[in-house]
Amino acid sequence: MTPCGSGGQDALIQERKFKMIKPLLQGLALTLKYFIRPSQVVTMQYPEERWTPYPRFRGLHELQRDQNGKEKCVACGLCSTVCPSECIHIVSAENAQGERYSEVYEIDMLRCIFCGYCQEVCPEDAIFLKQEYELASSEGTGFIYGKERLLAPLKKHK
């Protein structure tokens, strides 16, 4: 004799096994489908095909310039204060007119998490995260970007 209710437990166990095996078989069928017809594969062939970033994508930092070609950054230090990964280093200075500017502006790209807080907090709109995403290098050096590398190129007037 079987105890009362054991037949119901066996059915429940069988049902759980089926629920676990069904998704596995569906995944294997999908893999087999793409193995048989590789023309339907959605893998991007990277160097030839470029990924188009979404409009809100945050990539490489860029320091902006004003209409006169001077950098907008006044070295207030808000970006380095709000940065959760503490990757921004700023040293401020004053020019002959008494205007503040950043003498040193460095971002350690290996520590940066591209959160965009520096862009949001900047009162001068001096820093902007561009759509550029190709930041890899075969060397382990050169990932501390200085002001020379971050400043936007001068616009030529016609």
N, C-alpha and C. Protein backbone atom coordinates (compact mmCIF):
# COMPACT_ATOMS: atom_id res chain seq x y z
N MET A 1 0.83 -1.18 0.00
CA MET A 1 0.00 0.00 0.00
C MET A 1 0.87 1.24 0.00
N THR A 2 0.40 2.22 -0.73
CA THR A 2 1.12 3.50 -0.76
C THR A 2 0.44 4.47 0.18
N PRO A 3 1.23 5.31 0.82
CA PRO A 3 0.62 6.29 1.71
C PRO A 3 -0.27 7.24 0.92
N CYS A 4 -1.23 7.76 1.62
CA CYS A 4 -2.21 8.66 1.00
C CYS A 4 -1.50 9.92 0.50
N GLY A 5 -1.70 10.27 -0.76
CA GLY A 5 -1.15 11.50 -1.32
C GLY A 5 0.16 11.32 -2.06
N SER A 6 0.79 10.16 -2.02
CA SER A 6 2.08 10.00 -2.70
C SER A 6 1.92 10.02 -4.21
N GLY A 7 0.77 9.61 -4.71
CA GLY A 7 0.52 9.66 -6.15
C GLY A 7 0.48 11.09 -6.64
N GLY A 8 -0.05 11.99 -5.82
CA GLY A 8 -0.09 13.41 -6.18
C GLY A 8 1.31 14.02 -6.20
N GLN A 9 2.15 13.57 -5.26
CA GLN A 9 3.53 14.09 -5.22
C GLN A 9 4.32 13.63 -6.44
N ASP A 10 4.12 12.39 -6.85
CA ASP A 10 4.81 11.90 -8.04
C ASP A 10 4.42 12.69 -9.27
N ALA A 11 3.16 13.01 -9.39
CA ALA A 11 2.69 13.81 -10.53
C ALA A 11 3.29 15.21 -10.48
N LEU A 12 3.43 15.78 -9.29
CA LEU A 12 4.01 17.11 -9.12
C LEU A 12 5.49 17.10 -9.50
N ILE A 13 6.20 16.06 -9.11
CA ILE A 13 7.62 15.93 -9.46
C ILE A 13 7.78 15.80 -10.96
N GLN A 14 6.93 15.00 -11.60
CA GLN A 14 6.99 14.83 -13.05
C GLN A 14 6.72 16.16 -13.76
N GLU A 15 5.75 16.91 -13.24
CA GLU A 15 5.41 18.20 -13.84
C GLU A 15 6.58 19.18 -13.70
N ARG A 16 7.27 19.20 -12.58
CA ARG A 16 8.44 20.08 -12.38
C ARG A 16 9.58 19.69 -13.30
N LYS A 17 9.81 18.42 -13.48
CA LYS A 17 10.86 17.96 -14.39
C LYS A 17 10.56 18.42 -15.80
N PHE A 18 9.29 18.32 -16.21
CA PHE A 18 8.90 18.74 -17.55
C PHE A 18 9.11 20.24 -17.71
N LYS A 19 8.80 21.01 -16.67
CA LYS A 19 8.97 22.46 -16.74
C LYS A 19 10.45 22.84 -16.84
N MET A 20 11.33 22.02 -16.33
CA MET A 20 12.76 22.29 -16.41
C MET A 20 13.34 21.84 -17.73
N ILE A 21 12.85 20.75 -18.27
CA ILE A 21 13.41 20.18 -19.50
C ILE A 21 12.90 20.92 -20.73
N LYS A 22 11.68 21.39 -20.72
CA LYS A 22 11.09 22.05 -21.89
C LYS A 22 11.92 23.28 -22.32
N PRO A 23 12.27 24.23 -21.42
CA PRO A 23 13.09 25.37 -21.86
C PRO A 23 14.47 24.95 -22.36
N LEU A 24 15.03 23.92 -21.77
CA LEU A 24 16.33 23.42 -22.22
C LEU A 24 16.24 22.92 -23.65
N LEU A 25 15.22 22.15 -23.95
CA LEU A 25 15.04 21.64 -25.31
C LEU A 25 14.76 22.77 -26.30
N GLN A 26 14.01 23.79 -25.88
CA GLN A 26 13.75 24.93 -26.75
C GLN A 26 15.04 25.67 -27.07
N GLY A 27 15.91 25.84 -26.08
CA GLY A 27 17.19 26.50 -26.31
C GLY A 27 18.09 25.70 -27.23
N LEU A 28 18.12 24.39 -27.04
CA LEU A 28 18.92 23.55 -27.91
C LEU A 28 18.39 23.57 -29.34
N ALA A 29 17.08 23.63 -29.51
CA ALA A 29 16.49 23.71 -30.85
C ALA A 29 16.88 25.01 -31.53
N LEU A 30 16.89 26.11 -30.79
CA LEU A 30 17.29 27.40 -31.36
C LEU A 30 18.75 27.38 -31.77
N THR A 31 19.60 26.79 -30.94
CA THR A 31 21.02 26.66 -31.27
C THR A 31 21.20 25.83 -32.54
N LEU A 32 20.50 24.74 -32.64
CA LEU A 32 20.57 23.88 -33.82
C LEU A 32 20.09 24.61 -35.07
N LYS A 33 19.06 25.42 -34.93
CA LYS A 33 18.52 26.18 -36.05
C LYS A 33 19.57 27.13 -36.62
N TYR A 34 20.28 27.86 -35.74
CA TYR A 34 21.31 28.79 -36.21
C TYR A 34 22.57 28.06 -36.68
N PHE A 35 22.78 26.85 -36.20
CA PHE A 35 23.91 26.05 -36.66
C PHE A 35 23.67 25.57 -38.08
N ILE A 36 22.44 25.22 -38.39
CA ILE A 36 22.10 24.71 -39.71
C ILE A 36 22.05 25.86 -40.73
N ARG A 37 21.47 27.02 -40.34
CA ARG A 37 21.35 28.18 -41.23
C ARG A 37 22.14 29.35 -40.66
N PRO A 38 23.45 29.41 -40.91
CA PRO A 38 24.26 30.50 -40.33
C PRO A 38 23.97 31.87 -40.94
N SER A 39 23.25 31.93 -42.03
CA SER A 39 22.94 33.23 -42.63
C SER A 39 21.99 34.05 -41.76
N GLN A 40 21.28 33.41 -40.85
CA GLN A 40 20.35 34.10 -39.97
C GLN A 40 21.00 34.58 -38.68
N VAL A 41 22.29 34.34 -38.50
CA VAL A 41 22.98 34.72 -37.27
C VAL A 41 23.07 36.24 -37.19
N VAL A 42 22.86 36.78 -36.01
CA VAL A 42 22.83 38.23 -35.83
C VAL A 42 24.15 38.78 -35.28
N THR A 43 25.22 38.01 -35.33
CA THR A 43 26.51 38.48 -34.85
C THR A 43 27.03 39.57 -35.77
N MET A 44 27.52 40.66 -35.18
CA MET A 44 28.04 41.78 -35.95
C MET A 44 29.52 41.51 -36.27
N GLN A 45 29.91 41.71 -37.52
CA GLN A 45 31.30 41.56 -37.93
C GLN A 45 31.99 42.89 -37.66
N TYR A 46 32.60 43.02 -36.46
CA TYR A 46 32.97 44.31 -35.90
C TYR A 46 33.80 45.26 -36.76
N PRO A 47 34.97 44.95 -37.19
CA PRO A 47 35.70 46.04 -37.86
C PRO A 47 35.00 46.56 -39.11
N GLU A 48 34.32 45.67 -39.83
CA GLU A 48 33.63 46.10 -41.04
C GLU A 48 32.29 46.76 -40.71
N GLU A 49 31.57 46.21 -39.76
CA GLU A 49 30.28 46.75 -39.35
C GLU A 49 30.45 47.48 -38.02
N ARG A 50 29.98 48.71 -37.95
CA ARG A 50 30.09 49.49 -36.73
C ARG A 50 28.74 49.54 -36.03
N TRP A 51 28.79 49.46 -34.71
CA TRP A 51 27.59 49.57 -33.89
C TRP A 51 27.21 51.04 -33.78
N THR A 52 25.94 51.35 -33.98
CA THR A 52 25.47 52.71 -33.82
C THR A 52 24.93 52.87 -32.41
N PRO A 53 25.58 53.71 -31.60
CA PRO A 53 25.13 53.86 -30.20
C PRO A 53 23.75 54.51 -30.12
N TYR A 54 23.09 54.22 -29.03
CA TYR A 54 21.79 54.82 -28.77
C TYR A 54 21.97 56.30 -28.45
N PRO A 55 20.94 57.13 -28.61
CA PRO A 55 21.10 58.57 -28.37
C PRO A 55 21.56 58.91 -26.95
N ARG A 56 21.19 58.11 -25.96
CA ARG A 56 21.57 58.41 -24.58
C ARG A 56 22.86 57.70 -24.16
N PHE A 57 23.58 57.11 -25.10
CA PHE A 57 24.83 56.41 -24.79
C PHE A 57 25.87 57.40 -24.27
N ARG A 58 26.62 56.98 -23.25
CA ARG A 58 27.67 57.82 -22.67
C ARG A 58 29.01 57.16 -22.93
N GLY A 59 29.84 57.83 -23.72
CA GLY A 59 31.14 57.28 -24.07
C GLY A 59 32.28 58.18 -23.63
N LEU A 60 33.19 58.46 -24.55
CA LEU A 60 34.39 59.23 -24.27
C LEU A 60 34.06 60.65 -23.81
N HIS A 61 34.76 61.14 -22.82
CA HIS A 61 34.58 62.49 -22.30
C HIS A 61 35.19 63.51 -23.27
N GLU A 62 34.62 64.70 -23.28
CA GLU A 62 35.16 65.78 -24.10
C GLU A 62 34.95 67.09 -23.36
N LEU A 63 36.03 67.86 -23.21
CA LEU A 63 35.93 69.19 -22.61
C LEU A 63 35.54 70.18 -23.69
N GLN A 64 34.52 70.97 -23.42
CA GLN A 64 33.97 71.88 -24.42
C GLN A 64 34.69 73.24 -24.38
N ARG A 65 34.61 73.94 -25.49
CA ARG A 65 35.17 75.29 -25.61
C ARG A 65 34.04 76.29 -25.81
N ASP A 66 34.31 77.56 -25.48
CA ASP A 66 33.32 78.61 -25.72
C ASP A 66 33.50 79.17 -27.13
N GLN A 67 32.79 80.26 -27.45
CA GLN A 67 32.84 80.83 -28.80
C GLN A 67 34.22 81.38 -29.14
N ASN A 68 34.99 81.80 -28.12
CA ASN A 68 36.32 82.36 -28.34
C ASN A 68 37.41 81.29 -28.43
N GLY A 69 37.06 80.04 -28.22
CA GLY A 69 38.02 78.95 -28.30
C GLY A 69 38.66 78.60 -26.97
N LYS A 70 38.27 79.30 -25.90
CA LYS A 70 38.81 78.98 -24.58
C LYS A 70 37.98 77.86 -23.97
N GLU A 71 38.62 77.09 -23.09
CA GLU A 71 37.90 76.01 -22.44
C GLU A 71 36.84 76.57 -21.49
N LYS A 72 35.72 75.88 -21.40
CA LYS A 72 34.63 76.33 -20.54
C LYS A 72 34.85 76.00 -19.07
N CYS A 73 35.67 75.02 -18.79
CA CYS A 73 35.86 74.54 -17.42
C CYS A 73 36.46 75.64 -16.55
N VAL A 74 35.83 75.90 -15.39
CA VAL A 74 36.32 76.89 -14.43
C VAL A 74 36.93 76.21 -13.21
N ALA A 75 37.16 74.93 -13.28
CA ALA A 75 37.80 74.14 -12.21
C ALA A 75 37.08 74.29 -10.88
N CYS A 76 35.76 74.20 -10.90
CA CYS A 76 34.98 74.30 -9.66
C CYS A 76 35.12 73.04 -8.82
N GLY A 77 35.43 71.92 -9.45
CA GLY A 77 35.66 70.67 -8.73
C GLY A 77 34.41 69.86 -8.46
N LEU A 78 33.27 70.30 -8.97
CA LEU A 78 32.04 69.54 -8.74
C LEU A 78 32.09 68.17 -9.40
N CYS A 79 32.66 68.09 -10.58
CA CYS A 79 32.71 66.80 -11.28
C CYS A 79 33.56 65.79 -10.53
N SER A 80 34.69 66.24 -9.99
CA SER A 80 35.53 65.30 -9.24
C SER A 80 34.91 64.94 -7.90
N THR A 81 34.10 65.84 -7.34
CA THR A 81 33.44 65.55 -6.07
C THR A 81 32.32 64.54 -6.24
N VAL A 82 31.54 64.66 -7.31
CA VAL A 82 30.38 63.80 -7.50
C VAL A 82 30.74 62.45 -8.12
N CYS A 83 31.93 62.32 -8.66
CA CYS A 83 32.33 61.08 -9.34
C CYS A 83 32.40 59.91 -8.36
N PRO A 84 31.58 58.86 -8.56
CA PRO A 84 31.58 57.74 -7.62
C PRO A 84 32.85 56.89 -7.69
N SER A 85 33.53 56.89 -8.81
CA SER A 85 34.75 56.10 -8.92
C SER A 85 36.01 56.91 -8.65
N GLU A 86 35.85 58.19 -8.38
CA GLU A 86 36.95 59.10 -8.06
C GLU A 86 38.05 59.05 -9.11
N CYS A 87 37.66 59.17 -10.37
CA CYS A 87 38.63 59.06 -11.46
C CYS A 87 39.02 60.41 -12.05
N ILE A 88 38.43 61.51 -11.57
CA ILE A 88 38.73 62.83 -12.13
C ILE A 88 39.63 63.59 -11.16
N HIS A 89 40.72 64.16 -11.70
CA HIS A 89 41.67 64.94 -10.91
C HIS A 89 41.79 66.33 -11.54
N ILE A 90 41.54 67.38 -10.73
CA ILE A 90 41.56 68.75 -11.24
C ILE A 90 42.48 69.60 -10.36
N VAL A 91 43.29 70.44 -11.02
CA VAL A 91 44.08 71.46 -10.33
C VAL A 91 43.68 72.79 -10.95
N SER A 92 43.22 73.72 -10.13
CA SER A 92 42.75 75.00 -10.66
C SER A 92 43.85 76.05 -10.63
N ALA A 93 43.67 77.06 -11.48
CA ALA A 93 44.60 78.20 -11.56
C ALA A 93 43.81 79.41 -12.04
N GLU A 94 44.45 80.58 -11.97
CA GLU A 94 43.83 81.82 -12.46
C GLU A 94 44.73 82.44 -13.51
N ASN A 95 44.11 83.02 -14.53
CA ASN A 95 44.89 83.72 -15.56
C ASN A 95 45.08 85.19 -15.16
N ALA A 96 45.65 85.99 -16.04
CA ALA A 96 45.95 87.40 -15.74
C ALA A 96 44.69 88.23 -15.50
N GLN A 97 43.58 87.84 -16.12
CA GLN A 97 42.31 88.57 -15.94
C GLN A 97 41.57 88.14 -14.68
N GLY A 98 42.09 87.18 -13.95
CA GLY A 98 41.44 86.69 -12.74
C GLY A 98 40.41 85.59 -12.98
N GLU A 99 40.36 85.08 -14.19
CA GLU A 99 39.41 84.01 -14.51
C GLU A 99 40.02 82.67 -14.12
N ARG A 100 39.19 81.83 -13.52
CA ARG A 100 39.66 80.50 -13.13
C ARG A 100 39.61 79.56 -14.33
N TYR A 101 40.57 78.65 -14.37
CA TYR A 101 40.60 77.60 -15.38
C TYR A 101 41.28 76.39 -14.77
N SER A 102 41.14 75.27 -15.43
CA SER A 102 41.76 74.05 -14.93
C SER A 102 43.16 73.93 -15.52
N GLU A 103 44.15 74.02 -14.64
CA GLU A 103 45.54 73.86 -15.10
C GLU A 103 45.80 72.39 -15.44
N VAL A 104 45.26 71.50 -14.61
CA VAL A 104 45.35 70.06 -14.84
C VAL A 104 43.94 69.49 -14.80
N TYR A 105 43.58 68.75 -15.81
CA TYR A 105 42.29 68.05 -15.84
C TYR A 105 42.58 66.65 -16.37
N GLU A 106 42.49 65.66 -15.50
CA GLU A 106 42.80 64.28 -15.88
C GLU A 106 41.66 63.35 -15.51
N ILE A 107 41.40 62.39 -16.39
CA ILE A 107 40.41 61.36 -16.13
C ILE A 107 41.08 60.01 -16.32
N ASP A 108 40.99 59.16 -15.31
CA ASP A 108 41.52 57.81 -15.40
C ASP A 108 40.42 56.94 -16.02
N MET A 109 40.58 56.63 -17.29
CA MET A 109 39.54 55.90 -18.02
C MET A 109 39.39 54.45 -17.57
N LEU A 110 40.41 53.90 -16.92
CA LEU A 110 40.28 52.54 -16.42
C LEU A 110 39.38 52.49 -15.18
N ARG A 111 39.25 53.59 -14.48
CA ARG A 111 38.39 53.63 -13.29
C ARG A 111 37.00 54.17 -13.61
N CYS A 112 36.88 54.93 -14.68
CA CYS A 112 35.61 55.58 -15.01
C CYS A 112 34.52 54.55 -15.31
N ILE A 113 33.32 54.78 -14.78
CA ILE A 113 32.20 53.87 -15.03
C ILE A 113 31.18 54.49 -15.99
N PHE A 114 31.51 55.65 -16.57
CA PHE A 114 30.68 56.33 -17.57
C PHE A 114 29.25 56.54 -17.09
N CYS A 115 29.13 56.98 -15.85
CA CYS A 115 27.81 57.20 -15.25
C CYS A 115 27.18 58.50 -15.73
N GLY A 116 27.98 59.47 -16.13
CA GLY A 116 27.45 60.74 -16.62
C GLY A 116 27.18 61.76 -15.53
N TYR A 117 27.52 61.47 -14.28
CA TYR A 117 27.29 62.44 -13.20
C TYR A 117 28.11 63.70 -13.42
N CYS A 118 29.33 63.58 -13.95
CA CYS A 118 30.16 64.75 -14.18
C CYS A 118 29.50 65.69 -15.19
N GLN A 119 28.88 65.15 -16.19
CA GLN A 119 28.20 65.96 -17.20
C GLN A 119 26.97 66.64 -16.61
N GLU A 120 26.22 65.92 -15.78
CA GLU A 120 25.00 66.47 -15.20
C GLU A 120 25.27 67.58 -14.20
N VAL A 121 26.35 67.46 -13.42
CA VAL A 121 26.60 68.40 -12.34
C VAL A 121 27.34 69.66 -12.79
N CYS A 122 27.96 69.67 -13.95
CA CYS A 122 28.78 70.78 -14.40
C CYS A 122 27.92 72.03 -14.65
N PRO A 123 28.18 73.13 -13.91
CA PRO A 123 27.37 74.35 -14.09
C PRO A 123 27.69 75.09 -15.39
N GLU A 124 28.84 74.82 -15.97
CA GLU A 124 29.26 75.52 -17.19
C GLU A 124 29.04 74.69 -18.45
N ASP A 125 28.48 73.49 -18.33
CA ASP A 125 28.35 72.57 -19.46
C ASP A 125 29.70 72.37 -20.15
N ALA A 126 30.74 72.21 -19.34
CA ALA A 126 32.09 72.10 -19.86
C ALA A 126 32.47 70.68 -20.24
N ILE A 127 31.83 69.69 -19.67
CA ILE A 127 32.18 68.31 -19.99
C ILE A 127 30.99 67.62 -20.64
N PHE A 128 31.29 66.85 -21.65
CA PHE A 128 30.25 66.18 -22.43
C PHE A 128 30.72 64.77 -22.72
N LEU A 129 29.83 63.80 -22.57
CA LEU A 129 30.17 62.41 -22.89
C LEU A 129 29.68 62.12 -24.30
N LYS A 130 30.63 61.90 -25.20
CA LYS A 130 30.32 61.71 -26.62
C LYS A 130 29.81 60.30 -26.90
N GLN A 131 29.53 60.04 -28.15
CA GLN A 131 29.05 58.74 -28.61
C GLN A 131 30.21 57.79 -28.94
N GLU A 132 31.43 58.23 -28.77
CA GLU A 132 32.60 57.41 -29.12
C GLU A 132 32.80 56.31 -28.09
N TYR A 133 32.95 55.08 -28.55
CA TYR A 133 33.06 53.94 -27.64
C TYR A 133 34.33 53.13 -27.84
N GLU A 134 35.13 53.43 -28.82
CA GLU A 134 36.34 52.65 -29.10
C GLU A 134 37.50 53.20 -28.28
N LEU A 135 37.65 52.70 -27.06
CA LEU A 135 38.66 53.21 -26.15
C LEU A 135 39.73 52.17 -25.84
N ALA A 136 39.67 51.03 -26.46
CA ALA A 136 40.60 49.93 -26.16
C ALA A 136 42.00 50.24 -26.67
N SER A 137 42.97 49.62 -26.02
CA SER A 137 44.37 49.76 -26.40
C SER A 137 45.07 48.44 -26.13
N SER A 138 46.09 48.15 -26.92
CA SER A 138 46.84 46.92 -26.70
C SER A 138 47.91 47.10 -25.62
N GLU A 139 48.13 48.34 -25.21
CA GLU A 139 49.10 48.63 -24.16
C GLU A 139 48.36 48.93 -22.87
N GLY A 140 49.03 48.74 -21.76
CA GLY A 140 48.41 49.01 -20.47
C GLY A 140 48.56 50.44 -20.01
N THR A 141 49.24 51.26 -20.79
CA THR A 141 49.46 52.65 -20.42
C THR A 141 48.63 53.55 -21.32
N GLY A 142 48.55 54.81 -20.94
CA GLY A 142 47.86 55.79 -21.77
C GLY A 142 46.37 55.89 -21.51
N PHE A 143 45.90 55.38 -20.39
CA PHE A 143 44.48 55.48 -20.09
C PHE A 143 44.14 56.63 -19.15
N ILE A 144 45.13 57.40 -18.76
CA ILE A 144 44.86 58.63 -18.01
C ILE A 144 44.84 59.75 -19.05
N TYR A 145 43.65 60.22 -19.36
CA TYR A 145 43.48 61.22 -20.40
C TYR A 145 43.66 62.60 -19.79
N GLY A 146 44.57 63.37 -20.36
CA GLY A 146 44.83 64.72 -19.91
C GLY A 146 43.99 65.73 -20.67
N LYS A 147 44.17 66.99 -20.31
CA LYS A 147 43.39 68.06 -20.91
C LYS A 147 43.62 68.15 -22.42
N GLU A 148 44.84 67.90 -22.85
CA GLU A 148 45.16 67.99 -24.27
C GLU A 148 44.34 66.98 -25.08
N ARG A 149 44.14 65.83 -24.51
CA ARG A 149 43.42 64.76 -25.21
C ARG A 149 41.90 64.91 -25.10
N LEU A 150 41.44 65.59 -24.06
CA LEU A 150 40.00 65.72 -23.82
C LEU A 150 39.37 66.95 -24.44
N LEU A 151 40.18 67.99 -24.70
CA LEU A 151 39.61 69.22 -25.25
C LEU A 151 39.08 69.03 -26.66
N ALA A 152 37.91 69.62 -26.90
CA ALA A 152 37.31 69.55 -28.24
C ALA A 152 38.19 70.33 -29.21
N PRO A 153 38.31 69.87 -30.44
CA PRO A 153 39.13 70.59 -31.40
C PRO A 153 38.54 71.98 -31.69
N LEU A 154 39.41 72.91 -32.03
CA LEU A 154 38.95 74.27 -32.36
C LEU A 154 38.14 74.24 -33.65
N LYS A 155 37.05 75.00 -33.65
CA LYS A 155 36.22 75.10 -34.85
C LYS A 155 36.78 76.17 -35.75
N LYS A 156 36.91 75.85 -37.03
CA LYS A 156 37.44 76.80 -38.00
C LYS A 156 36.31 77.67 -38.51
N HIS A 157 36.52 78.98 -38.47
CA HIS A 157 35.52 79.93 -38.99
C HIS A 157 35.78 80.19 -40.44
N LYS A 158 34.72 80.22 -41.24
CA LYS A 158 34.87 80.47 -42.69
C LYS A 158 34.58 81.91 -43.00
